[in-house]
């Protein structure tokens, strides 16, 4: 697949391995950590 059709599901975890947030999107934007707020 090319970059135009790839998507990713990203989980953020704390030190204990508990999922604290998640996001889904297309690279490279899904890798941005700034958020939209």
Protein backbone atom coordinates (compact mmCIF):
# COMPACT_ATOMS: atom_id res chain seq x y z
CA UNK A 1 0.00 0.00 0.00
CA UNK A 2 1.12 3.54 -0.62
CA UNK A 3 1.19 6.34 1.98
CA UNK A 4 -2.08 7.81 0.67
CA UNK A 5 -4.04 4.73 1.77
CA UNK A 6 -2.23 3.81 5.01
CA UNK A 7 -3.85 4.47 8.37
CA UNK A 8 -2.62 3.88 11.91
CA UNK A 9 -4.10 3.29 15.36
CA UNK A 10 -1.83 4.67 18.10
CA UNK A 11 -2.17 3.93 21.83
CA UNK A 12 -0.51 6.12 24.48
CA UNK A 13 0.26 4.32 27.75
CA UNK A 14 1.42 5.33 31.21
CA UNK A 15 4.32 3.78 33.14
CA UNK A 16 2.08 0.91 34.30
CA UNK A 17 1.07 0.04 30.74
CA UNK A 18 -2.47 1.39 31.10
CA UNK A 19 -3.85 3.01 27.95
CA UNK A 20 -4.37 6.71 28.65
CA UNK A 21 -5.38 7.85 25.16
CA UNK A 22 -5.63 6.70 21.59
CA UNK A 23 -5.88 8.21 18.14
CA UNK A 24 -6.37 7.06 14.58
CA UNK A 25 -5.33 8.74 11.36
CA UNK A 26 -3.00 8.89 8.42
CA UNK A 27 0.76 9.26 8.61
CA UNK A 28 2.48 11.59 9.23
CA UNK A 29 -0.28 13.54 11.01
CA UNK A 30 -1.22 10.66 13.32
CA UNK A 31 2.29 10.86 14.80
CA UNK A 32 1.84 14.50 15.86
CA UNK A 33 1.53 14.73 19.66
CA UNK A 34 0.42 18.36 19.97
CA UNK A 35 -3.30 17.55 19.85
CA UNK A 36 -5.95 19.88 18.53
CA UNK A 37 -6.81 21.79 21.68
